[in-house]
Amino acid sequence: MYVTRRRMLGTALAAGAALTVARGMTGRARQATPEPLVLGTPGLPGSKAPGYGIARVRTHQSAEMAQAVYADVLTRFLPPTSALPGYYGYIFAFDDADPGTTLNVTLVDGAPAADAANVVAQEYVQGMDARLAPQTPIAVQGAVRIYQVTDRPASELPPLLHGCHITMRFRRNAADTDIEGVIQSASEGFGPIQAAMDGFVMYCWMHTEDGRVSFNVWETAEQMQAGNEAVAAWGAANPVITQEGPAEVHNGVIGYSDLFRAR
């Protein structure tokens, strides 16, 4: 089941207005449009990619509760998070299989900023209306090792990536995983393939404590499906892509992301 843009639009506009005011108070200068980033190893001096990421899957009592949390996140959680030194960007999406489940990504410049963001997140959850409090079956974080965005200007993408589609994959490394080989193979082999596909928006790959998490963003559900099929075909043809057990995969639709906002 896909959550439509219409369903989320009212919430996005109301909450987004409050967020715009809060972000304007931070006074941090940022570039007007992110430049195209090439797959590689970001997080180094002079890099324009985030160096660290936090990914969470949260479950709520119902789709209606998830919508209420969406508004609450944009008005109470995101302003203090986006004001943190080292903040890079955020994604909030609704899971296609269960609209009561949400997918959340916070990108920052390094582990210290991630620690600060986690403190804000804990304080936010502790201060929530008890009826909105979620369960969090997945919460991982780690260094961003691959980061790639479309070379199209932000003006050609849906505003705030609203209605774009995301696939998140959580994998546990097998004991014999050559993680550097995986990174090299993904960046040199699959990166150019997906960048040339219709509707490609971005790709991010994070190295977690015992595995990795990656996410791809596409403009439409059909383009996301084509991308997922390309990922599966490419992975099957590259034996270096090892893992323990099956990947946990979540497909969803984005309600809000500031990754392509003016900075």
Protein backbone atom coordinates (compact mmCIF):
# COMPACT_ATOMS: atom_id res chain seq x y z
CA MET A 1 0.00 0.00 0.00
CA TYR A 2 1.44 3.35 -1.00
CA VAL A 3 0.79 6.47 1.05
CA THR A 4 -0.23 9.15 -1.42
CA ARG A 5 1.18 12.65 -1.69
CA ARG A 6 -2.32 14.04 -1.13
CA ARG A 7 -2.67 12.22 2.18
CA MET A 8 0.53 13.71 3.55
CA LEU A 9 0.36 17.16 1.98
CA GLY A 10 -1.71 18.92 4.62
CA THR A 11 0.52 17.68 7.42
CA ALA A 12 3.67 18.54 5.51
CA LEU A 13 2.60 22.10 4.82
CA ALA A 14 1.53 22.85 8.38
CA ALA A 15 4.53 21.27 10.04
CA GLY A 16 6.92 22.46 7.38
CA ALA A 17 5.99 26.08 8.02
CA ALA A 18 6.98 25.79 11.66
CA LEU A 19 10.17 24.00 10.72
CA THR A 20 11.16 26.72 8.26
CA VAL A 21 10.96 29.33 11.01
CA ALA A 22 13.01 27.18 13.38
CA ARG A 23 15.68 26.46 10.78
CA GLY A 24 15.93 30.13 9.91
CA MET A 25 16.96 30.87 13.47
CA THR A 26 20.08 28.71 13.31
CA GLY A 27 21.91 31.24 11.14
CA ARG A 28 24.21 28.60 9.60
CA ALA A 29 25.33 29.35 6.04
CA ARG A 30 24.92 26.49 3.57
CA GLN A 31 25.23 26.07 -0.15
CA ALA A 32 22.16 26.83 -2.26
CA THR A 33 22.17 23.43 -3.98
CA PRO A 34 24.22 20.31 -3.23
CA GLU A 35 26.70 19.66 -6.01
CA PRO A 36 26.74 16.21 -7.64
CA LEU A 37 28.65 13.83 -5.38
CA VAL A 38 30.62 10.89 -6.73
CA LEU A 39 30.54 7.50 -5.01
CA GLY A 40 33.58 7.08 -2.79
CA THR A 41 34.59 7.52 0.83
CA PRO A 42 33.05 10.73 2.19
CA GLY A 43 33.61 12.25 5.59
CA LEU A 44 37.16 13.38 4.79
CA PRO A 45 38.37 17.00 5.02
CA GLY A 46 36.79 19.02 2.26
CA SER A 47 34.13 16.41 1.56
CA LYS A 48 30.61 17.59 0.79
CA ALA A 49 29.00 14.32 1.84
CA PRO A 50 27.80 13.40 5.34
CA GLY A 51 30.23 11.32 7.35
CA TYR A 52 27.82 9.45 9.63
CA GLY A 53 24.21 8.26 9.63
CA ILE A 54 21.46 7.03 11.96
CA ALA A 55 18.69 4.80 10.59
CA ARG A 56 15.57 3.75 12.50
CA VAL A 57 12.42 1.77 11.82
CA ARG A 58 9.61 2.74 14.19
CA THR A 59 6.19 1.12 14.60
CA HIS A 60 3.04 2.87 15.81
CA GLN A 61 -0.38 1.71 16.91
CA SER A 62 -2.03 2.70 13.63
CA ALA A 63 -1.57 4.64 10.41
CA GLU A 64 -3.41 7.55 12.02
CA MET A 65 -0.95 7.56 14.93
CA ALA A 66 1.95 7.51 12.48
CA GLN A 67 0.51 10.58 10.76
CA ALA A 68 0.21 12.33 14.12
CA VAL A 69 3.82 11.43 14.95
CA TYR A 70 4.87 12.80 11.55
CA ALA A 71 3.54 16.24 12.47
CA ASP A 72 5.00 15.99 15.97
CA VAL A 73 8.44 15.05 14.62
CA LEU A 74 8.55 18.01 12.25
CA THR A 75 7.50 20.49 14.92
CA ARG A 76 9.20 19.17 18.07
CA PHE A 77 12.03 16.82 17.11
CA LEU A 78 13.53 18.19 13.92
CA PRO A 79 14.11 21.85 14.92
CA PRO A 80 16.53 21.03 17.79
CA THR A 81 18.12 18.26 15.74
CA SER A 82 18.73 20.45 12.69
CA ALA A 83 20.25 23.11 14.95
CA LEU A 84 23.01 20.74 16.11
CA PRO A 85 26.55 21.40 14.86
CA GLY A 86 27.33 18.88 12.15
CA TYR A 87 23.72 18.29 11.11
CA TYR A 88 23.42 17.37 7.43
CA GLY A 89 19.90 16.20 6.68
CA TYR A 90 16.87 14.07 7.54
CA ILE A 91 14.35 11.73 5.90
CA PHE A 92 10.93 10.72 7.26
CA ALA A 93 9.06 8.07 5.27
CA PHE A 94 6.06 5.77 5.64
CA ASP A 95 6.49 2.04 5.07
CA ASP A 96 4.50 0.74 2.09
CA ALA A 97 3.69 -2.61 3.71
CA ASP A 98 2.42 -1.01 6.92
CA PRO A 99 1.60 2.74 6.98
CA GLY A 100 1.78 2.50 10.77
CA THR A 101 5.53 1.93 10.40
CA THR A 102 7.91 4.80 9.65
CA LEU A 103 11.45 4.93 8.29
CA ASN A 104 13.78 7.63 9.63
CA VAL A 105 17.31 8.65 8.62
CA THR A 106 19.46 11.37 10.19
CA LEU A 107 22.72 12.32 8.48
CA VAL A 108 25.49 14.24 10.24
CA ASP A 109 29.18 14.94 9.79
CA GLY A 110 30.55 12.44 12.31
CA ALA A 111 30.06 10.24 15.38
CA PRO A 112 30.07 13.13 17.92
CA ALA A 113 27.22 14.81 16.07
CA ALA A 114 25.38 11.46 15.98
CA ASP A 115 25.74 11.15 19.76
CA ALA A 116 24.24 14.61 20.17
CA ALA A 117 21.41 13.75 17.79
CA ASN A 118 20.68 10.57 19.75
CA VAL A 119 20.37 12.58 22.95
CA VAL A 120 17.85 14.87 21.28
CA ALA A 121 15.94 11.83 19.99
CA GLN A 122 15.82 10.23 23.45
CA GLU A 123 14.58 13.44 25.04
CA TYR A 124 11.99 13.83 22.32
CA VAL A 125 10.60 10.31 22.77
CA GLN A 126 10.55 10.70 26.56
CA GLY A 127 8.52 13.89 26.19
CA MET A 128 5.98 12.50 23.71
CA ASP A 129 2.30 12.11 24.37
CA ALA A 130 2.12 8.51 25.62
CA ARG A 131 -0.43 7.68 22.91
CA LEU A 132 2.16 8.48 20.24
CA ALA A 133 5.12 6.62 21.76
CA PRO A 134 6.55 4.18 19.17
CA GLN A 135 8.35 0.88 19.28
CA THR A 136 11.76 0.83 17.57
CA PRO A 137 12.57 -2.63 16.19
CA ILE A 138 15.60 -1.33 14.26
CA ALA A 139 18.03 1.39 15.33
CA VAL A 140 21.49 1.36 13.77
CA GLN A 141 24.15 3.91 13.03
CA GLY A 142 27.57 4.08 11.43
CA ALA A 143 29.97 5.75 9.07
CA VAL A 144 28.72 6.73 5.65
CA ARG A 145 31.03 5.04 3.16
CA ILE A 146 29.16 5.61 -0.09
CA TYR A 147 27.10 8.66 -0.94
CA GLN A 148 25.75 9.56 -4.35
CA VAL A 149 23.15 12.06 -5.50
CA THR A 150 21.60 12.89 -8.83
CA ASP A 151 23.26 15.52 -10.96
CA ARG A 152 19.89 17.18 -11.55
CA PRO A 153 19.33 20.50 -9.75
CA ALA A 154 17.08 20.52 -6.69
CA SER A 155 14.55 22.62 -8.62
CA GLU A 156 13.83 19.60 -10.84
CA LEU A 157 13.09 17.28 -7.91
CA PRO A 158 9.84 17.10 -5.91
CA PRO A 159 9.96 19.76 -3.17
CA LEU A 160 11.30 18.29 0.10
CA LEU A 161 11.40 14.96 -1.79
CA HIS A 162 7.73 14.70 -0.82
CA GLY A 163 6.20 11.65 -2.47
CA CYS A 164 9.52 10.18 -3.58
CA HIS A 165 10.08 6.50 -2.86
CA ILE A 166 12.78 4.94 -0.71
CA THR A 167 14.14 1.43 -0.23
CA MET A 168 16.10 0.70 2.97
CA ARG A 169 18.12 -2.51 3.28
CA PHE A 170 19.54 -3.79 6.56
CA ARG A 171 22.16 -6.52 6.24
CA ARG A 172 24.26 -8.42 8.76
CA ASN A 173 27.80 -9.16 7.62
CA ALA A 174 28.84 -12.76 7.22
CA ALA A 175 32.02 -13.76 9.06
CA ASP A 176 34.01 -13.79 5.82
CA THR A 177 32.67 -10.50 4.46
CA ASP A 178 35.33 -8.39 2.76
CA ILE A 179 33.71 -5.08 3.63
CA GLU A 180 36.20 -2.99 1.69
CA GLY A 181 35.66 -5.25 -1.30
CA VAL A 182 31.89 -4.76 -0.97
CA ILE A 183 32.34 -0.99 -0.89
CA GLN A 184 34.65 -0.97 -3.89
CA SER A 185 32.39 -3.31 -5.87
CA ALA A 186 29.28 -1.28 -5.09
CA SER A 187 30.87 2.07 -5.87
CA GLU A 188 32.64 1.04 -9.08
CA GLY A 189 30.13 -1.49 -10.35
CA PHE A 190 26.61 -0.57 -9.38
CA GLY A 191 27.00 3.16 -8.78
CA PRO A 192 27.20 4.15 -12.45
CA ILE A 193 24.35 1.78 -13.33
CA GLN A 194 21.82 3.26 -10.94
CA ALA A 195 22.94 6.84 -11.55
CA ALA A 196 21.95 6.39 -15.22
CA MET A 197 18.49 5.01 -14.40
CA ASP A 198 15.35 7.11 -14.76
CA GLY A 199 14.19 8.71 -11.54
CA PHE A 200 17.37 8.17 -9.54
CA VAL A 201 17.67 10.69 -6.69
CA MET A 202 20.25 9.38 -4.23
CA TYR A 203 22.06 6.40 -2.73
CA CYS A 204 23.66 6.12 0.71
CA TRP A 205 25.59 3.19 2.22
CA MET A 206 26.46 3.04 5.94
CA HIS A 207 28.84 0.63 7.70
CA THR A 208 27.26 -0.35 11.05
CA GLU A 209 28.72 -2.27 13.99
CA ASP A 210 27.93 -5.73 12.62
CA GLY A 211 26.60 -5.06 9.16
CA ARG A 212 25.51 -2.34 6.82
CA VAL A 213 22.43 -0.37 5.88
CA SER A 214 21.81 1.27 2.55
CA PHE A 215 19.01 3.30 1.11
CA ASN A 216 18.06 4.38 -2.41
CA VAL A 217 15.63 7.18 -3.28
CA TRP A 218 13.64 7.30 -6.54
CA GLU A 219 10.96 9.64 -7.82
CA THR A 220 8.22 7.05 -8.47
CA ALA A 221 7.21 3.62 -7.22
CA GLU A 222 7.82 2.15 -10.68
CA GLN A 223 11.34 3.58 -10.79
CA MET A 224 12.00 2.26 -7.28
CA GLN A 225 10.88 -1.20 -8.37
CA ALA A 226 13.19 -1.06 -11.39
CA GLY A 227 16.02 0.03 -9.13
CA ASN A 228 15.34 -2.79 -6.67
CA GLU A 229 15.39 -5.32 -9.51
CA ALA A 230 18.70 -3.89 -10.72
CA VAL A 231 20.14 -4.16 -7.20
CA ALA A 232 19.04 -7.79 -6.93
CA ALA A 233 20.46 -8.72 -10.33
CA TRP A 234 23.75 -6.98 -9.70
CA GLY A 235 24.13 -8.49 -6.21
CA ALA A 236 23.48 -11.99 -7.52
CA ALA A 237 26.21 -11.53 -10.11
CA ASN A 238 28.80 -10.32 -7.59
CA PRO A 239 29.83 -13.00 -5.05
CA VAL A 240 31.66 -10.42 -2.92
CA ILE A 241 28.26 -9.21 -1.72
CA THR A 242 28.00 -11.67 1.21
CA GLN A 243 25.73 -11.46 4.23
CA GLU A 244 24.37 -13.52 7.10
CA GLY A 245 20.76 -14.42 6.45
CA PRO A 246 18.38 -12.45 4.26
CA ALA A 247 18.36 -8.67 4.18
CA GLU A 248 15.52 -6.88 5.92
CA VAL A 249 14.05 -4.60 3.28
CA HIS A 250 11.59 -1.74 3.73
CA ASN A 251 10.04 0.19 0.85
CA GLY A 252 8.31 3.44 1.60
CA VAL A 253 7.21 6.88 0.47
CA ILE A 254 8.89 10.03 1.77
CA GLY A 255 6.86 12.62 3.60
CA TYR A 256 9.71 15.02 4.23
CA SER A 257 13.42 15.41 3.58
CA ASP A 258 15.63 18.48 3.75
CA LEU A 259 18.58 16.86 1.95
CA PHE A 260 17.91 18.87 -1.20
CA ARG A 261 16.77 22.08 0.43
CA ALA A 262 18.70 25.30 0.07
CA ARG A 263 21.55 25.19 2.59
